[in-house]
N, C-alpha and C. Protein backbone atom coordinates (compact mmCIF):
# COMPACT_ATOMS: atom_id res chain seq x y z
N MET A 1 -70.08 27.74 4.93
CA MET A 1 -68.81 28.41 4.90
C MET A 1 -67.81 27.70 5.81
N ALA A 2 -68.26 27.10 6.87
CA ALA A 2 -67.38 26.39 7.78
C ALA A 2 -66.75 25.19 7.11
N SER A 3 -67.41 24.60 6.13
CA SER A 3 -66.86 23.43 5.45
C SER A 3 -65.64 23.81 4.61
N MET A 4 -65.52 25.06 4.20
CA MET A 4 -64.36 25.48 3.41
C MET A 4 -63.11 25.55 4.27
N LEU A 5 -63.26 25.77 5.54
CA LEU A 5 -62.11 25.86 6.43
C LEU A 5 -61.60 24.49 6.86
N MET A 6 -62.45 23.48 6.81
CA MET A 6 -62.07 22.14 7.23
C MET A 6 -61.56 21.36 6.02
N PRO A 7 -60.34 20.82 6.08
CA PRO A 7 -59.85 20.04 4.95
C PRO A 7 -60.63 18.75 4.80
N ASN A 8 -60.78 18.29 3.57
CA ASN A 8 -61.49 17.03 3.38
C ASN A 8 -60.56 15.86 3.68
N GLN A 9 -61.09 14.68 3.75
CA GLN A 9 -60.32 13.51 4.16
C GLN A 9 -59.19 13.21 3.17
N GLY A 10 -59.43 13.43 1.88
CA GLY A 10 -58.39 13.19 0.88
C GLY A 10 -57.19 14.10 1.06
N ALA A 11 -57.45 15.36 1.36
CA ALA A 11 -56.35 16.30 1.57
C ALA A 11 -55.56 15.94 2.82
N VAL A 12 -56.24 15.48 3.87
CA VAL A 12 -55.55 15.08 5.10
C VAL A 12 -54.68 13.86 4.83
N MET A 13 -55.21 12.88 4.08
CA MET A 13 -54.44 11.68 3.78
C MET A 13 -53.23 12.02 2.90
N LEU A 14 -53.42 12.94 1.96
CA LEU A 14 -52.31 13.37 1.11
C LEU A 14 -51.24 14.06 1.93
N TRP A 15 -51.66 14.92 2.85
CA TRP A 15 -50.71 15.62 3.73
C TRP A 15 -49.94 14.63 4.59
N LEU A 16 -50.62 13.65 5.15
CA LEU A 16 -49.95 12.66 5.99
C LEU A 16 -48.95 11.84 5.18
N ALA A 17 -49.29 11.52 3.94
CA ALA A 17 -48.37 10.77 3.09
C ALA A 17 -47.12 11.59 2.79
N PHE A 18 -47.31 12.87 2.43
CA PHE A 18 -46.16 13.74 2.16
C PHE A 18 -45.30 13.92 3.40
N ARG A 19 -45.94 14.08 4.53
CA ARG A 19 -45.19 14.28 5.78
C ARG A 19 -44.37 13.04 6.11
N SER A 20 -44.95 11.84 5.94
CA SER A 20 -44.20 10.63 6.26
C SER A 20 -43.04 10.44 5.28
N MET A 21 -43.23 10.81 4.01
CA MET A 21 -42.13 10.73 3.05
C MET A 21 -41.02 11.72 3.41
N ALA A 22 -41.41 12.91 3.86
CA ALA A 22 -40.42 13.91 4.24
C ALA A 22 -39.63 13.45 5.47
N VAL A 23 -40.31 12.83 6.42
CA VAL A 23 -39.63 12.33 7.61
C VAL A 23 -38.67 11.21 7.22
N ASN A 24 -39.11 10.30 6.36
CA ASN A 24 -38.24 9.21 5.92
C ASN A 24 -37.04 9.73 5.16
N LEU A 25 -37.25 10.75 4.33
CA LEU A 25 -36.15 11.34 3.59
C LEU A 25 -35.15 12.01 4.52
N SER A 26 -35.64 12.73 5.51
CA SER A 26 -34.73 13.40 6.43
C SER A 26 -33.95 12.39 7.26
N ILE A 27 -34.57 11.30 7.65
CA ILE A 27 -33.85 10.25 8.39
C ILE A 27 -32.77 9.64 7.50
N ALA A 28 -33.09 9.39 6.24
CA ALA A 28 -32.11 8.83 5.31
C ALA A 28 -30.95 9.79 5.10
N LEU A 29 -31.23 11.09 5.01
CA LEU A 29 -30.16 12.08 4.84
C LEU A 29 -29.25 12.13 6.06
N VAL A 30 -29.83 12.07 7.23
CA VAL A 30 -29.03 12.08 8.46
C VAL A 30 -28.13 10.85 8.51
N GLN A 31 -28.68 9.69 8.17
CA GLN A 31 -27.88 8.47 8.19
C GLN A 31 -26.76 8.52 7.17
N SER A 32 -27.03 9.06 5.98
CA SER A 32 -25.99 9.19 4.97
C SER A 32 -24.89 10.13 5.43
N PHE A 33 -25.29 11.25 6.04
CA PHE A 33 -24.30 12.20 6.54
C PHE A 33 -23.43 11.57 7.61
N ARG A 34 -24.05 10.79 8.49
CA ARG A 34 -23.27 10.13 9.55
C ARG A 34 -22.29 9.13 8.96
N ARG A 35 -22.70 8.42 7.92
CA ARG A 35 -21.78 7.46 7.29
C ARG A 35 -20.62 8.20 6.63
N LEU A 36 -20.92 9.32 5.97
CA LEU A 36 -19.88 10.06 5.28
C LEU A 36 -18.89 10.71 6.25
N THR A 37 -19.38 11.13 7.38
CA THR A 37 -18.53 11.85 8.32
C THR A 37 -18.10 10.98 9.49
N ALA A 38 -18.24 9.67 9.33
CA ALA A 38 -17.84 8.76 10.41
C ALA A 38 -16.35 8.93 10.68
N HIS A 39 -15.96 8.66 11.90
CA HIS A 39 -14.56 8.79 12.30
C HIS A 39 -13.72 7.83 11.47
N LYS A 40 -12.80 8.37 10.76
CA LYS A 40 -11.88 7.56 9.97
C LYS A 40 -10.50 7.74 10.56
N GLN A 41 -9.82 6.65 10.74
CA GLN A 41 -8.48 6.74 11.31
C GLN A 41 -7.48 7.04 10.21
N HIS A 42 -6.70 8.04 10.47
CA HIS A 42 -5.66 8.42 9.54
C HIS A 42 -4.33 7.93 10.09
N PRO A 43 -3.56 7.23 9.31
CA PRO A 43 -2.27 6.76 9.84
C PRO A 43 -1.38 7.93 10.21
N GLY A 44 -0.82 7.85 11.37
CA GLY A 44 0.09 8.89 11.83
C GLY A 44 -0.60 10.10 12.44
N ALA A 45 -1.91 10.08 12.61
CA ALA A 45 -2.59 11.21 13.22
C ALA A 45 -2.24 11.26 14.71
N ASP A 46 -1.84 12.41 15.16
CA ASP A 46 -1.42 12.59 16.54
C ASP A 46 -2.37 13.55 17.22
N ALA A 47 -3.03 13.08 18.26
CA ALA A 47 -4.05 13.88 18.94
C ALA A 47 -3.45 15.13 19.59
N GLU A 48 -2.17 15.09 19.96
CA GLU A 48 -1.57 16.24 20.63
C GLU A 48 -1.28 17.39 19.66
N THR A 49 -1.15 17.11 18.38
CA THR A 49 -0.81 18.17 17.43
C THR A 49 -2.03 18.78 16.75
N ILE A 50 -3.19 18.18 16.92
CA ILE A 50 -4.40 18.69 16.29
C ILE A 50 -4.95 19.85 17.13
N GLU A 51 -5.31 20.94 16.45
CA GLU A 51 -5.84 22.11 17.13
C GLU A 51 -7.27 22.36 16.67
N ALA A 52 -8.10 22.88 17.58
CA ALA A 52 -9.47 23.23 17.23
C ALA A 52 -9.78 24.60 17.82
N ARG A 53 -10.44 25.45 17.00
CA ARG A 53 -10.83 26.79 17.45
C ARG A 53 -12.29 27.01 17.08
N PHE A 54 -12.97 27.77 17.93
CA PHE A 54 -14.34 28.16 17.64
C PHE A 54 -14.39 29.67 17.71
N GLU A 55 -14.53 30.29 16.54
CA GLU A 55 -14.61 31.74 16.51
C GLU A 55 -15.53 32.15 15.37
N ASN A 56 -16.27 33.20 15.60
CA ASN A 56 -17.25 33.71 14.63
C ASN A 56 -18.23 32.62 14.20
N GLU A 57 -18.69 31.86 15.17
CA GLU A 57 -19.66 30.79 14.95
C GLU A 57 -19.17 29.75 13.96
N MET A 58 -17.84 29.53 13.89
CA MET A 58 -17.26 28.56 12.97
C MET A 58 -16.23 27.73 13.72
N LEU A 59 -16.35 26.42 13.60
CA LEU A 59 -15.37 25.52 14.21
C LEU A 59 -14.32 25.19 13.17
N THR A 60 -13.06 25.41 13.53
CA THR A 60 -11.95 25.13 12.63
C THR A 60 -11.03 24.12 13.30
N VAL A 61 -10.81 23.00 12.63
CA VAL A 61 -9.92 21.97 13.13
C VAL A 61 -8.72 21.93 12.21
N THR A 62 -7.51 22.00 12.81
CA THR A 62 -6.29 22.06 12.04
C THR A 62 -5.37 20.92 12.44
N GLU A 63 -4.87 20.22 11.43
CA GLU A 63 -3.87 19.18 11.66
C GLU A 63 -2.64 19.57 10.86
N PRO A 64 -1.47 19.64 11.50
CA PRO A 64 -0.28 20.07 10.76
C PRO A 64 0.05 19.08 9.65
N LYS A 65 0.58 19.64 8.56
CA LYS A 65 0.96 18.79 7.45
C LYS A 65 2.20 18.00 7.81
N LYS A 66 2.24 16.79 7.29
CA LYS A 66 3.41 15.95 7.50
C LYS A 66 4.46 16.35 6.48
N PRO A 67 5.73 16.21 6.84
CA PRO A 67 6.76 16.56 5.86
C PRO A 67 6.65 15.64 4.65
N ALA A 68 6.82 16.22 3.49
CA ALA A 68 6.71 15.44 2.26
C ALA A 68 7.88 14.47 2.14
N VAL A 69 7.56 13.31 1.68
CA VAL A 69 8.59 12.31 1.47
C VAL A 69 9.30 12.66 0.16
N GLN A 70 10.61 12.74 0.23
CA GLN A 70 11.35 13.09 -0.96
C GLN A 70 11.40 11.91 -1.91
N LYS A 71 11.17 12.20 -3.17
CA LYS A 71 11.25 11.17 -4.18
C LYS A 71 12.72 10.93 -4.51
N PRO A 72 13.06 9.69 -4.80
CA PRO A 72 14.47 9.45 -5.16
C PRO A 72 14.81 10.17 -6.46
N GLN A 73 16.01 10.70 -6.48
CA GLN A 73 16.43 11.43 -7.67
C GLN A 73 16.69 10.44 -8.81
N LYS A 74 16.27 10.83 -9.99
CA LYS A 74 16.51 9.99 -11.15
C LYS A 74 17.88 10.33 -11.73
N LYS A 75 18.62 9.29 -12.02
CA LYS A 75 19.94 9.49 -12.62
C LYS A 75 19.83 9.12 -14.09
N ILE A 76 20.29 10.03 -14.90
CA ILE A 76 20.26 9.82 -16.34
C ILE A 76 21.68 9.76 -16.84
N LYS A 77 21.98 8.65 -17.50
CA LYS A 77 23.33 8.48 -18.02
C LYS A 77 23.40 9.13 -19.40
N ILE A 78 24.39 10.01 -19.55
CA ILE A 78 24.56 10.73 -20.81
C ILE A 78 25.88 10.27 -21.42
N ASN A 79 25.84 9.79 -22.62
CA ASN A 79 27.04 9.37 -23.33
C ASN A 79 27.55 10.54 -24.17
N ALA A 80 28.81 10.89 -23.95
CA ALA A 80 29.41 11.98 -24.73
C ALA A 80 29.90 11.42 -26.06
N ALA A 81 29.68 12.15 -27.10
CA ALA A 81 30.09 11.66 -28.43
C ALA A 81 31.50 12.06 -28.75
């Protein structure tokens, strides 16, 4: 009956293989996340205007919107008949 409680060598090797694949996968996911969320410089970003709040276990970072650049008005010439 004691032999039923002890895993056999094949099961141990299978477990170790799965565990190493899971560790490799988690490392790859962390590296991908770091690449995706790497600091990217935004032109015109001003550190003094950015606000950050931590409330209700949520971090909120706010950057004010820049004024929209007005598009040049299109002039349409109309010929009167």
